[in-house]
């Protein structure tokens, strides 16, 4: 399960017991350095919600009673996903949260999935560390486009990764509704890359952007698709 492999299990987390006071919770937060931590029951199996440092500070600055139970300022009680949830559900639920609580098949607290783990996974899928170029190709919704584009690329090199992203309505001009990102493996020459770009464009696809991963720069921008940006001359 993809989600399960990304989760930080509860045994490795800093948590606050639901019976703790706000003062006790604040000490845990300040000692750990985290901006929020999960609130759990005595058994550690039931996720109650999250407690945020800023909410306690605000409460304290307004003269609030710090001996109130931590649940007084509990947040995100319903912000959870299951360990076997489909991956797309994570994106709809995590949003602005620093992490999302993960429950097991019996609704017991299993751990958390953080934004950073999610971004690391996407970075690995993109293969940024090992790739040479990332080609962003625009296409319409015609059946078989992905196969056609992949065949063109695979005639000249392997593909480290392929990612498709639907564009928002009206975002792209003409009939283009989809971006496909091809990451080419390390060792692909600039000549080979340009040959692939040329053949894609001859088949009616638009290469709108190219990233040179090794140089860490954009060599074609979607502001002027199809036109390579001149590289600065070395001294």
Protein backbone atom coordinates (compact mmCIF):
# COMPACT_ATOMS: atom_id res chain seq x y z
CA UNK A 1 0.00 0.00 0.00
CA UNK A 2 1.47 3.33 -1.06
CA UNK A 3 0.03 5.37 1.81
CA UNK A 4 1.22 2.88 4.42
CA UNK A 5 4.79 3.08 3.15
CA UNK A 6 4.83 6.87 3.63
CA UNK A 7 3.30 7.03 7.10
CA UNK A 8 5.32 7.89 10.21
CA UNK A 9 4.01 5.35 12.72
CA UNK A 10 2.56 6.55 16.03
CA UNK A 11 5.34 4.88 18.07
CA UNK A 12 7.78 7.44 16.65
CA UNK A 13 5.55 10.49 17.21
CA UNK A 14 5.29 13.10 19.94
CA UNK A 15 1.68 13.10 21.15
CA UNK A 16 -0.40 14.65 23.93
CA UNK A 17 -2.83 12.71 26.10
CA UNK A 18 -6.42 13.93 25.96
CA UNK A 19 -6.40 14.41 29.75
CA UNK A 20 -3.45 16.83 29.67
CA UNK A 21 -3.98 20.51 30.43
CA UNK A 22 -3.23 23.31 28.01
CA UNK A 23 -0.17 24.19 30.10
CA UNK A 24 1.13 20.63 29.83
CA UNK A 25 0.44 20.53 26.11
CA UNK A 26 2.29 23.81 25.59
CA UNK A 27 5.35 22.42 27.36
CA UNK A 28 5.30 19.36 25.07
CA UNK A 29 5.05 21.60 22.01
CA UNK A 30 7.81 23.94 23.15
CA UNK A 31 10.14 21.09 24.15
CA UNK A 32 9.60 19.25 20.87
CA UNK A 33 9.70 22.31 18.62
CA UNK A 34 6.62 21.19 16.68
CA UNK A 35 3.84 23.64 15.84
CA UNK A 36 1.19 20.98 16.46
CA UNK A 37 0.95 17.40 17.69
CA UNK A 38 -1.78 14.74 17.77
CA UNK A 39 -4.06 14.34 20.79
CA UNK A 40 -4.72 10.70 21.70
CA UNK A 41 -6.60 8.74 24.37
CA UNK A 42 -5.02 6.80 27.26
CA UNK A 43 -4.42 3.75 25.08
CA UNK A 44 -2.84 5.75 22.26
CA UNK A 45 -5.18 4.07 19.78
CA UNK A 46 -7.86 6.77 19.40
CA UNK A 47 -7.01 9.97 17.53
CA UNK A 48 -8.91 12.91 19.05
CA UNK A 49 -7.51 15.74 16.93
CA UNK A 50 -4.56 18.12 16.89
CA UNK A 51 -3.40 20.82 19.27
CA UNK A 52 -1.62 23.85 17.77
CA UNK A 53 0.96 25.94 19.58
CA UNK A 54 -0.40 29.21 18.16
CA UNK A 55 -3.90 28.49 19.49
CA UNK A 56 -2.54 27.95 23.01
CA UNK A 57 -0.44 31.13 22.78
CA UNK A 58 -3.51 33.11 21.67
CA UNK A 59 -5.58 31.63 24.49
CA UNK A 60 -2.85 32.43 27.03
CA UNK A 61 -2.35 36.01 25.76
CA UNK A 62 -6.07 36.64 26.22
CA UNK A 63 -5.90 35.58 29.87
CA UNK A 64 -7.39 32.15 29.28
CA UNK A 65 -7.25 29.39 31.88
CA UNK A 66 -4.22 27.20 31.15
CA UNK A 67 -5.58 24.42 33.38
CA UNK A 68 -8.37 23.67 30.93
CA UNK A 69 -8.10 20.27 29.20
CA UNK A 70 -6.19 20.22 25.93
CA UNK A 71 -9.37 19.17 24.14
CA UNK A 72 -10.73 22.70 24.76
CA UNK A 73 -8.63 23.87 21.80
CA UNK A 74 -8.76 20.63 19.83
CA UNK A 75 -8.72 21.00 16.02
CA UNK A 76 -8.91 18.71 12.95
CA UNK A 77 -10.84 15.92 14.70
CA UNK A 78 -12.33 14.73 11.41
CA UNK A 79 -9.25 15.31 9.27
CA UNK A 80 -8.19 11.70 8.82
CA UNK A 81 -7.60 9.14 6.09
CA UNK A 82 -7.47 5.36 6.18
CA UNK A 83 -4.21 3.51 5.67
CA UNK A 84 -5.75 1.91 2.57
CA UNK A 85 -7.31 5.11 1.21
CA UNK A 86 -6.85 5.85 -2.51
CA UNK A 87 -3.93 8.17 -3.05
CA UNK A 88 -5.98 11.00 -4.61
CA UNK A 89 -7.96 11.30 -1.36
CA UNK A 90 -4.81 12.46 0.42
CA UNK A 91 -4.62 15.57 -1.75
CA UNK A 92 -8.23 16.49 -1.05
CA UNK A 93 -7.77 16.09 2.70
CA UNK A 94 -4.27 17.28 3.58
CA UNK A 95 -4.52 20.73 1.93
CA UNK A 96 -3.14 23.30 4.40
CA UNK A 97 -2.52 20.82 7.22
CA UNK A 98 1.09 20.16 8.26
CA UNK A 99 0.14 16.48 8.35
CA UNK A 100 -2.93 14.28 8.24
CA UNK A 101 -3.74 11.56 10.73
CA UNK A 102 -3.89 8.01 9.36
CA UNK A 103 -6.20 5.35 10.79
CA UNK A 104 -5.93 1.59 10.34
CA UNK A 105 -8.68 -0.75 9.17
CA UNK A 106 -10.24 -0.73 12.66
CA UNK A 107 -10.19 3.09 12.89
CA UNK A 108 -7.31 3.01 15.36
CA UNK A 109 -4.63 5.70 15.17
CA UNK A 110 -1.84 4.36 12.96
CA UNK A 111 0.37 7.42 12.42
CA UNK A 112 0.63 10.58 10.33
CA UNK A 113 1.43 11.46 6.73
CA UNK A 114 3.33 14.74 6.46
CA UNK A 115 3.53 17.24 3.64
CA UNK A 116 7.27 16.65 3.38
CA UNK A 117 6.84 12.87 2.94
CA UNK A 118 4.26 13.54 0.24
CA UNK A 119 6.58 15.94 -1.60
CA UNK A 120 9.50 13.52 -1.31
CA UNK A 121 7.35 10.82 -2.92
CA UNK A 122 6.40 13.13 -5.79
CA UNK A 123 10.04 14.12 -6.21
CA UNK A 124 11.03 10.45 -6.43
CA UNK A 125 8.25 9.79 -8.95
CA UNK A 126 9.53 12.68 -11.06
CA UNK A 127 13.07 11.26 -10.76
CA UNK A 128 14.54 14.74 -10.52
CA UNK A 129 17.75 13.52 -8.90
CA UNK A 130 18.61 11.04 -11.67
CA UNK A 131 17.05 12.60 -14.77
CA UNK A 132 18.58 14.72 -17.50
CA UNK A 133 15.65 16.68 -18.97
CA UNK A 134 11.95 17.07 -18.22
CA UNK A 135 9.80 17.71 -21.30
CA UNK A 136 6.34 19.16 -20.76
CA UNK A 137 4.14 18.21 -23.72
CA UNK A 138 0.67 19.63 -24.37
CA UNK A 139 -2.01 17.49 -25.97
CA UNK A 140 -5.74 17.37 -26.53
CA UNK A 141 -8.04 14.67 -25.19
CA UNK A 142 -7.77 12.39 -28.22
CA UNK A 143 -7.53 8.69 -27.50
CA UNK A 144 -4.06 7.19 -27.85
CA UNK A 145 -2.07 10.40 -27.40
CA UNK A 146 -0.02 9.04 -24.53
CA UNK A 147 0.92 5.96 -26.55
CA UNK A 148 1.92 8.08 -29.55
CA UNK A 149 4.09 10.40 -27.47
CA UNK A 150 5.68 7.53 -25.57
CA UNK A 151 6.58 5.71 -28.79
CA UNK A 152 8.35 8.80 -30.11
CA UNK A 153 10.37 9.19 -26.92
CA UNK A 154 11.15 5.47 -26.55
CA UNK A 155 12.62 5.29 -30.06
CA UNK A 156 15.52 7.37 -28.79
CA UNK A 157 15.79 6.69 -25.06
CA UNK A 158 14.20 5.09 -22.03
CA UNK A 159 11.86 7.15 -19.84
CA UNK A 160 12.72 7.67 -16.18
CA UNK A 161 9.17 8.73 -15.39
CA UNK A 162 5.95 9.94 -16.99
CA UNK A 163 3.39 12.13 -15.26
CA UNK A 164 0.14 13.51 -16.68
CA UNK A 165 -1.62 16.59 -15.34
CA UNK A 166 -5.00 17.87 -16.48
CA UNK A 167 -5.15 21.62 -17.06
CA UNK A 168 -7.84 23.76 -15.47
CA UNK A 169 -10.66 24.88 -17.78
CA UNK A 170 -9.46 27.72 -19.99
CA UNK A 171 -5.88 27.51 -18.73
CA UNK A 172 -4.43 26.37 -22.07
CA UNK A 173 -5.12 27.81 -25.49
CA UNK A 174 -6.81 25.89 -28.29
CA UNK A 175 -7.85 22.28 -27.72
CA UNK A 176 -5.06 21.45 -25.31
CA UNK A 177 -6.34 20.01 -22.04
CA UNK A 178 -3.45 17.93 -20.74
CA UNK A 179 0.21 18.27 -19.80
CA UNK A 180 2.41 15.19 -19.94
CA UNK A 181 5.81 15.40 -18.27
CA UNK A 182 8.48 13.05 -19.59
CA UNK A 183 11.63 12.75 -17.49
CA UNK A 184 14.52 11.52 -19.62
CA UNK A 185 17.24 9.48 -17.88
CA UNK A 186 20.72 10.73 -17.08
CA UNK A 187 23.14 10.57 -19.97
CA UNK A 188 20.70 11.71 -22.67
CA UNK A 189 22.51 14.22 -24.86
CA UNK A 190 21.15 17.60 -25.87
CA UNK A 191 21.13 16.41 -29.49
CA UNK A 192 18.95 13.40 -28.62
CA UNK A 193 16.62 15.59 -26.55
CA UNK A 194 16.19 18.07 -29.41
CA UNK A 195 15.54 15.21 -31.85
CA UNK A 196 12.72 14.00 -29.60
CA UNK A 197 11.29 17.52 -29.31
CA UNK A 198 11.35 17.97 -33.06
CA UNK A 199 9.56 14.67 -33.73
CA UNK A 200 6.91 15.37 -31.07
CA UNK A 201 6.16 18.73 -32.61
CA UNK A 202 6.01 17.30 -36.13
CA UNK A 203 3.26 14.96 -34.89
CA UNK A 204 1.22 17.93 -33.68
CA UNK A 205 2.19 17.89 -30.01
CA UNK A 206 3.44 21.10 -28.40
CA UNK A 207 6.54 20.95 -26.21
CA UNK A 208 5.82 23.91 -23.97
CA UNK A 209 8.59 23.68 -21.42
CA UNK A 210 11.92 21.91 -20.88
CA UNK A 211 13.93 21.72 -17.69
CA UNK A 212 17.61 20.83 -17.78
CA UNK A 213 17.86 19.00 -14.45
CA UNK A 214 21.64 18.73 -14.41
CA UNK A 215 22.14 22.42 -15.11
CA UNK A 216 19.21 23.40 -12.89
CA UNK A 217 17.68 25.72 -15.45
CA UNK A 218 14.74 26.15 -17.81
CA UNK A 219 15.77 25.93 -21.46
CA UNK A 220 12.27 26.31 -22.91
CA UNK A 221 9.47 28.27 -21.28
CA UNK A 222 5.71 27.95 -21.68
CA UNK A 223 5.70 31.70 -22.35
CA UNK A 224 7.28 30.91 -25.72
CA UNK A 225 6.71 27.18 -26.40
CA UNK A 226 8.79 25.53 -29.08
CA UNK A 227 11.61 28.07 -28.80
CA UNK A 228 14.79 27.24 -26.91
CA UNK A 229 16.16 29.83 -24.50
CA UNK A 230 19.73 30.80 -25.26
CA UNK A 231 22.07 29.62 -22.54
CA UNK A 232 24.37 32.22 -21.01
CA UNK A 233 27.91 31.96 -22.30
CA UNK A 234 30.51 30.67 -19.89
CA UNK A 235 33.45 32.94 -19.06
